[in-house]
Amino acid sequence: MSKVARDSKVKELLAKQKFNEKEMSEMTDPQIEYYHWLYFEDSVYDYM
């Protein structure tokens, strides 16, 4: 993941107050992508 993409996802997760900066700095790129997907990506199943 690019630095810009990571920073953007981290900023959005921090804004939701799900994690603090220390926790985010220790996460790997796949972890950040997972949590961003979990909290921000809509699924077709969300609307059923």
PDB file of N, CA and C in Angstrom:
ATOM      1  N   MET A   1       0.861  -1.170   0.000  1.00  0.00           N
ATOM      2  CA  MET A   1       0.000   0.000   0.000  1.00  0.00           C
ATOM      3  C   MET A   1       0.904   1.228   0.000  1.00  0.00           C
ATOM      4  N   SER A   2       0.498   2.221  -0.764  1.00  0.00           N
ATOM      5  CA  SER A   2       1.292   3.449  -0.812  1.00  0.00           C
ATOM      6  C   SER A   2       1.153   4.221   0.495  1.00  0.00           C
ATOM      7  N   LYS A   3       2.092   5.085   0.735  1.00  0.00           N
ATOM      8  CA  LYS A   3       2.094   5.920   1.946  1.00  0.00           C
ATOM      9  C   LYS A   3       0.853   6.805   1.982  1.00  0.00           C
ATOM     10  N   VAL A   4       0.474   7.348   0.835  1.00  0.00           N
ATOM     11  CA  VAL A   4      -0.696   8.226   0.759  1.00  0.00           C
ATOM     12  C   VAL A   4      -1.971   7.449   1.085  1.00  0.00           C
ATOM     13  N   ALA A   5      -2.108   6.249   0.518  1.00  0.00           N
ATOM     14  CA  ALA A   5      -3.292   5.429   0.779  1.00  0.00           C
ATOM     15  C   ALA A   5      -3.354   5.029   2.245  1.00  0.00           C
ATOM     16  N   ARG A   6      -2.209   4.644   2.808  1.00  0.00           N
ATOM     17  CA  ARG A   6      -2.175   4.253   4.220  1.00  0.00           C
ATOM     18  C   ARG A   6      -2.563   5.431   5.115  1.00  0.00           C
ATOM     19  N   ASP A   7      -1.977   6.595   4.844  1.00  0.00           N
ATOM     20  CA  ASP A   7      -2.275   7.783   5.651  1.00  0.00           C
ATOM     21  C   ASP A   7      -3.757   8.143   5.581  1.00  0.00           C
ATOM     22  N   SER A   8      -4.343   8.020   4.412  1.00  0.00           N
ATOM     23  CA  SER A   8      -5.757   8.329   4.238  1.00  0.00           C
ATOM     24  C   SER A   8      -6.633   7.379   5.062  1.00  0.00           C
ATOM     25  N   LYS A   9      -6.326   6.094   4.993  1.00  0.00           N
ATOM     26  CA  LYS A   9      -7.116   5.105   5.734  1.00  0.00           C
ATOM     27  C   LYS A   9      -6.920   5.261   7.233  1.00  0.00           C
ATOM     28  N   VAL A  10      -5.686   5.540   7.648  1.00  0.00           N
ATOM     29  CA  VAL A  10      -5.410   5.752   9.076  1.00  0.00           C
ATOM     30  C   VAL A  10      -6.175   6.970   9.579  1.00  0.00           C
ATOM     31  N   LYS A  11      -6.176   8.043   8.789  1.00  0.00           N
ATOM     32  CA  LYS A  11      -6.877   9.270   9.189  1.00  0.00           C
ATOM     33  C   LYS A  11      -8.369   9.010   9.380  1.00  0.00           C
ATOM     34  N   GLU A  12      -8.973   8.254   8.457  1.00  0.00           N
ATOM     35  CA  GLU A  12     -10.399   7.952   8.565  1.00  0.00           C
ATOM     36  C   GLU A  12     -10.694   7.079   9.787  1.00  0.00           C
ATOM     37  N   LEU A  13      -9.836   6.097  10.054  1.00  0.00           N
ATOM     38  CA  LEU A  13     -10.039   5.235  11.224  1.00  0.00           C
ATOM     39  C   LEU A  13      -9.864   6.009  12.522  1.00  0.00           C
ATOM     40  N   LEU A  14      -8.900   6.906  12.558  1.00  0.00           N
ATOM     41  CA  LEU A  14      -8.699   7.720  13.755  1.00  0.00           C
ATOM     42  C   LEU A  14      -9.890   8.651  13.979  1.00  0.00           C
ATOM     43  N   ALA A  15     -10.467   9.153  12.892  1.00  0.00           N
ATOM     44  CA  ALA A  15     -11.620  10.042  13.003  1.00  0.00           C
ATOM     45  C   ALA A  15     -12.829   9.312  13.596  1.00  0.00           C
ATOM     46  N   LYS A  16     -12.942   8.029  13.321  1.00  0.00           N
ATOM     47  CA  LYS A  16     -14.036   7.228  13.894  1.00  0.00           C
ATOM     48  C   LYS A  16     -13.756   6.855  15.340  1.00  0.00           C
ATOM     49  N   GLN A  17     -12.552   7.136  15.804  1.00  0.00           N
ATOM     50  CA  GLN A  17     -12.121   6.863  17.178  1.00  0.00           C
ATOM     51  C   GLN A  17     -12.210   5.384  17.530  1.00  0.00           C
ATOM     52  N   LYS A  18     -11.875   4.527  16.556  1.00  0.00           N
ATOM     53  CA  LYS A  18     -11.856   3.094  16.796  1.00  0.00           C
ATOM     54  C   LYS A  18     -10.517   2.659  17.377  1.00  0.00           C
ATOM     55  N   PHE A  19      -9.471   3.394  17.033  1.00  0.00           N
ATOM     56  CA  PHE A  19      -8.116   3.066  17.462  1.00  0.00           C
ATOM     57  C   PHE A  19      -7.400   4.350  17.834  1.00  0.00           C
ATOM     58  N   ASN A  20      -6.329   4.223  18.607  1.00  0.00           N
ATOM     59  CA  ASN A  20      -5.509   5.398  18.881  1.00  0.00           C
ATOM     60  C   ASN A  20      -4.273   5.350  17.973  1.00  0.00           C
ATOM     61  N   GLU A  21      -3.506   6.427  17.966  1.00  0.00           N
ATOM     62  CA  GLU A  21      -2.367   6.532  17.051  1.00  0.00           C
ATOM     63  C   GLU A  21      -1.307   5.466  17.322  1.00  0.00           C
ATOM     64  N   LYS A  22      -1.112   5.102  18.582  1.00  0.00           N
ATOM     65  CA  LYS A  22      -0.110   4.078  18.916  1.00  0.00           C
ATOM     66  C   LYS A  22      -0.502   2.731  18.323  1.00  0.00           C
ATOM     67  N   GLU A  23      -1.778   2.358  18.469  1.00  0.00           N
ATOM     68  CA  GLU A  23      -2.254   1.099  17.902  1.00  0.00           C
ATOM     69  C   GLU A  23      -2.107   1.098  16.379  1.00  0.00           C
ATOM     70  N   MET A  24      -2.460   2.209  15.758  1.00  0.00           N
ATOM     71  CA  MET A  24      -2.389   2.291  14.296  1.00  0.00           C
ATOM     72  C   MET A  24      -0.960   2.196  13.790  1.00  0.00           C
ATOM     73  N   SER A  25      -0.021   2.788  14.523  1.00  0.00           N
ATOM     74  CA  SER A  25       1.363   2.766  14.073  1.00  0.00           C
ATOM     75  C   SER A  25       1.960   1.364  14.142  1.00  0.00           C
ATOM     76  N   GLU A  26       1.385   0.498  14.985  1.00  0.00           N
ATOM     77  CA  GLU A  26       1.893  -0.866  15.116  1.00  0.00           C
ATOM     78  C   GLU A  26       1.231  -1.850  14.154  1.00  0.00           C
ATOM     79  N   MET A  27       0.174  -1.401  13.452  1.00  0.00           N
ATOM     80  CA  MET A  27      -0.536  -2.287  12.530  1.00  0.00           C
ATOM     81  C   MET A  27       0.184  -2.416  11.200  1.00  0.00           C
ATOM     82  N   THR A  28       0.018  -3.580  10.588  1.00  0.00           N
ATOM     83  CA  THR A  28       0.569  -3.807   9.253  1.00  0.00           C
ATOM     84  C   THR A  28      -0.415  -3.254   8.220  1.00  0.00           C
ATOM     85  N   ASP A  29       0.031  -3.131   6.991  1.00  0.00           N
ATOM     86  CA  ASP A  29      -0.841  -2.653   5.913  1.00  0.00           C
ATOM     87  C   ASP A  29      -2.090  -3.525   5.760  1.00  0.00           C
ATOM     88  N   PRO A  30      -1.947  -4.865   5.754  1.00  0.00           N
ATOM     89  CA  PRO A  30      -3.164  -5.686   5.631  1.00  0.00           C
ATOM     90  C   PRO A  30      -4.150  -5.482   6.787  1.00  0.00           C
ATOM     91  N   GLN A  31      -3.666  -5.243   7.990  1.00  0.00           N
ATOM     92  CA  GLN A  31      -4.558  -4.984   9.119  1.00  0.00           C
ATOM     93  C   GLN A  31      -5.316  -3.678   8.913  1.00  0.00           C
ATOM     94  N   ILE A  32      -4.619  -2.647   8.475  1.00  0.00           N
ATOM     95  CA  ILE A  32      -5.266  -1.350   8.234  1.00  0.00           C
ATOM     96  C   ILE A  32      -6.309  -1.483   7.128  1.00  0.00           C
ATOM     97  N   GLU A  33      -5.965  -2.208   6.061  1.00  0.00           N
ATOM     98  CA  GLU A  33      -6.925  -2.414   4.979  1.00  0.00           C
ATOM     99  C   GLU A  33      -8.150  -3.170   5.473  1.00  0.00           C
ATOM    100  N   TYR A  34      -7.944  -4.172   6.314  1.00  0.00           N
ATOM    101  CA  TYR A  34      -9.061  -4.945   6.849  1.00  0.00           C
ATOM    102  C   TYR A  34      -9.991  -4.068   7.689  1.00  0.00           C
ATOM    103  N   TYR A  35      -9.438  -3.336   8.635  1.00  0.00           N
ATOM    104  CA  TYR A  35     -10.279  -2.513   9.491  1.00  0.00           C
ATOM    105  C   TYR A  35     -10.955  -1.392   8.709  1.00  0.00           C
ATOM    106  N   HIS A  36     -10.291  -0.849   7.706  1.00  0.00           N
ATOM    107  CA  HIS A  36     -10.919   0.168   6.867  1.00  0.00           C
ATOM    108  C   HIS A  36     -12.087  -0.448   6.108  1.00  0.00           C
ATOM    109  N   TRP A  37     -11.890  -1.643   5.569  1.00  0.00           N
ATOM    110  CA  TRP A  37     -12.963  -2.354   4.884  1.00  0.00           C
ATOM    111  C   TRP A  37     -14.117  -2.615   5.856  1.00  0.00           C
ATOM    112  N   LEU A  38     -13.787  -3.062   7.059  1.00  0.00           N
ATOM    113  CA  LEU A  38     -14.797  -3.408   8.051  1.00  0.00           C
ATOM    114  C   LEU A  38     -15.678  -2.215   8.412  1.00  0.00           C
ATOM    115  N   TYR A  39     -15.098  -1.043   8.584  1.00  0.00           N
ATOM    116  CA  TYR A  39     -15.844   0.118   9.048  1.00  0.00           C
ATOM    117  C   TYR A  39     -16.338   1.038   7.942  1.00  0.00           C
ATOM    118  N   PHE A  40     -15.783   0.957   6.731  1.00  0.00           N
ATOM    119  CA  PHE A  40     -16.129   1.936   5.702  1.00  0.00           C
ATOM    120  C   PHE A  40     -16.698   1.368   4.414  1.00  0.00           C
ATOM    121  N   GLU A  41     -16.454   0.113   4.113  1.00  0.00           N
ATOM    122  CA  GLU A  41     -16.920  -0.445   2.844  1.00  0.00           C
ATOM    123  C   GLU A  41     -18.328  -0.997   3.014  1.00  0.00           C
ATOM    124  N   ASP A  42     -19.218  -0.625   2.125  1.00  0.00           N
ATOM    125  CA  ASP A  42     -20.575  -1.162   2.136  1.00  0.00           C
ATOM    126  C   ASP A  42     -20.609  -2.505   1.426  1.00  0.00           C
ATOM    127  N   SER A  43     -21.450  -3.351   1.889  1.00  0.00           N
ATOM    128  CA  SER A  43     -21.649  -4.656   1.282  1.00  0.00           C
ATOM    129  C   SER A  43     -23.103  -4.760   0.842  1.00  0.00           C
ATOM    130  N   VAL A  44     -23.374  -5.564  -0.182  1.00  0.00           N
ATOM    131  CA  VAL A  44     -24.756  -5.755  -0.601  1.00  0.00           C
ATOM    132  C   VAL A  44     -25.565  -6.369   0.528  1.00  0.00           C
ATOM    133  N   TYR A  45     -24.918  -7.124   1.406  1.00  0.00           N
ATOM    134  CA  TYR A  45     -25.607  -7.759   2.515  1.00  0.00           C
ATOM    135  C   TYR A  45     -26.022  -6.752   3.594  1.00  0.00           C
ATOM    136  N   ASP A  46     -25.396  -5.572   3.600  1.00  0.00           N
ATOM    137  CA  ASP A  46     -25.779  -4.531   4.553  1.00  0.00           C
ATOM    138  C   ASP A  46     -27.196  -4.027   4.280  1.00  0.00           C
ATOM    139  N   TYR A  47     -27.645  -4.197   3.059  1.00  0.00           N
ATOM    140  CA  TYR A  47     -28.935  -3.641   2.657  1.00  0.00           C
ATOM    141  C   TYR A  47     -30.037  -4.687   2.563  1.00  0.00           C
ATOM    142  N   MET A  48     -29.761  -5.899   2.988  1.00  0.00           N
ATOM    143  CA  MET A  48     -30.767  -6.973   2.939  1.00  0.00           C
ATOM    144  C   MET A  48     -31.524  -7.056   4.239  1.00  0.00           C
TER     145      MET A  48
END
